[in-house]
Amino acid sequence: MTKLLVVKAHPHVEPSLSLSIGNAFVTAYQESHPDDKIVVRDLYDSTVPALNDTTMSAWKHEKAGQELTAKETALLTRHNKWLNEFMAADKYVFINPMYNLFLPAELKQYIDVMAVPHKTFKYTAHGPVGLIGDRKVIHIQAAGSVYHGPKANSMMTKLDFGDAYLRGIFTLFGVKDFQSIFVEGADQDPTKREAIITAAKEQAIQLARKF
């Protein structure tokens, strides 16, 4: 059974352009892929495991074959649970607002938990090699200004570090099928808000049917 993992990285506030477009995508996907399983992971509803002193100590002890403390064992168990959910999916949808030209911290921390050598990528004499290249990714991101498309200047596009980072991470993982839906400019020009939403929803629905 094909599995779609939907990762929401948005605080629970309304209205949300990214969540609205994300919901439209999921609804259209369900209609077009009725036999697929959809798993939703809300990063603001559950705490992403930390990469902290305990994590580093646990990895060091595990690599050396040493006994882990109860705290280390508990933390690595949480890490593995999240990673296993990620690895079990065939397709991914990431939904987030742009925060100060980047992703929300919760999504960055999530990616750090997924970027595990020998799981999602490996090191070789010729550089890193991705291990999950057969997956697909859709990134849905909302921003107040316009960073992409014919109405955005090249400098603004370069300032979207979030989409570039997420795309780069999945390139590291070996994934080539990466598409983005940008919901942009509603704050910059409120008179075009509804038109922006309508266009983004239509794009989401069309992509969902083929995803």
Foldseek 3Di string as FASTA:
>chain_A
DAEEEEEEEEPPDPDDLLVVLVVLLVVLLCVQCVPYHYHYHYLNVDPQQADDPLQVVLVVCVVVVHDHDPVSVVSVVSLVVLLVVVLVHQEYEYTAEQDQLAGPPSVVRSLVSNPDDPRLWHADPVGIDADNQRHAYEYEYEYQADQDDPVHDPVSVVSNVHVVVVVVSVVSNNHDHYYYQYQYNCNVPVVCNVVSSVVSNVVSSVVSNVD
